[in-house]
Amino acid sequence: MLKEKVEKVIRKIRPYIQRDGGDIQLVSVSEDGIVKVRLMGACRGCPMAAITLKNSVEANIKKEIPEIKKVLSVS
């Protein structure tokens, strides 16, 4: 259930990431509220990727799903 909620939020923000040549893939959602995502395309290696992850991806997910504690990027 939690994973489906996270996927829904990612579908909402994906077009904004894709607009800049990147993409995002959900890797996992743990029961303790840790979300792991993979940033792809132009986001890989971009110096702004950490800011995008924190201020856009994590902020939107935590806003809509308060039980999420953290969003991490994995390779």
Protein backbone atom coordinates (compact mmCIF):
# COMPACT_ATOMS: atom_id res chain seq x y z
CA MET A 1 0.00 0.00 0.00
CA LEU A 2 2.76 2.45 0.94
CA LYS A 3 4.68 1.61 -2.23
CA GLU A 4 1.62 2.38 -4.37
CA LYS A 5 1.24 5.77 -2.67
CA VAL A 6 4.88 6.61 -3.38
CA GLU A 7 4.55 5.49 -7.01
CA LYS A 8 1.57 7.82 -7.40
CA VAL A 9 3.57 10.82 -6.16
CA ILE A 10 6.50 9.91 -8.41
CA ARG A 11 4.17 9.77 -11.41
CA LYS A 12 3.10 13.35 -10.59
CA ILE A 13 6.63 14.75 -10.40
CA ARG A 14 8.21 12.65 -13.17
CA PRO A 15 7.17 15.04 -16.00
CA TYR A 16 9.06 17.90 -14.33
CA ILE A 17 12.20 15.80 -14.05
CA GLN A 18 11.84 14.53 -17.61
CA ARG A 19 11.44 18.09 -18.87
CA ASP A 20 15.09 18.66 -17.98
CA GLY A 21 16.25 15.40 -19.59
CA GLY A 22 16.22 13.24 -16.48
CA ASP A 23 14.02 10.53 -15.05
CA ILE A 24 13.33 8.81 -11.75
CA GLN A 25 12.70 5.18 -10.88
CA LEU A 26 11.35 3.86 -7.59
CA VAL A 27 13.70 1.20 -6.24
CA SER A 28 12.14 0.36 -2.86
CA VAL A 29 10.01 1.51 0.04
CA SER A 30 10.84 0.07 3.44
CA GLU A 31 8.38 -0.46 6.26
CA ASP A 32 10.28 2.07 8.38
CA GLY A 33 9.56 4.87 5.88
CA ILE A 34 12.75 4.96 3.80
CA VAL A 35 12.27 5.41 0.04
CA LYS A 36 15.06 4.58 -2.39
CA VAL A 37 14.98 6.00 -5.90
CA ARG A 38 17.30 5.98 -8.88
CA LEU A 39 17.86 9.25 -10.73
CA MET A 40 18.58 8.64 -14.41
CA GLY A 41 19.32 10.48 -17.62
CA ALA A 42 20.56 14.03 -17.20
CA CYS A 43 20.11 13.72 -13.43
CA ARG A 44 22.97 11.22 -13.14
CA GLY A 45 26.05 13.16 -12.22
CA CYS A 46 24.28 16.51 -12.27
CA PRO A 47 25.50 18.82 -9.51
CA MET A 48 21.89 19.86 -8.86
CA ALA A 49 20.65 16.26 -8.42
CA ALA A 50 20.99 16.36 -4.62
CA ILE A 51 18.93 19.55 -4.47
CA THR A 52 16.29 18.09 -6.79
CA LEU A 53 16.14 14.97 -4.65
CA LYS A 54 15.74 16.89 -1.38
CA ASN A 55 13.66 19.92 -2.39
CA SER A 56 11.45 18.33 -5.01
CA VAL A 57 11.26 14.55 -4.74
CA GLU A 58 11.54 14.15 -0.97
CA ALA A 59 9.49 17.25 -0.19
CA ASN A 60 6.59 16.15 -2.41
CA ILE A 61 6.61 12.57 -1.16
CA LYS A 62 6.73 13.60 2.52
CA LYS A 63 4.01 16.21 1.98
CA GLU A 64 1.59 13.63 0.59
CA ILE A 65 2.74 10.66 2.68
CA PRO A 66 3.71 11.86 6.19
CA GLU A 67 4.86 8.39 7.28
CA ILE A 68 7.83 8.62 4.88
CA LYS A 69 10.94 9.67 6.80
CA LYS A 70 13.61 9.95 4.12
CA VAL A 71 14.23 9.62 0.37
CA LEU A 72 17.62 8.33 -0.74
CA SER A 73 19.17 8.11 -4.18
CA VAL A 74 20.89 4.84 -5.14
CA SER A 75 22.97 3.91 -8.18
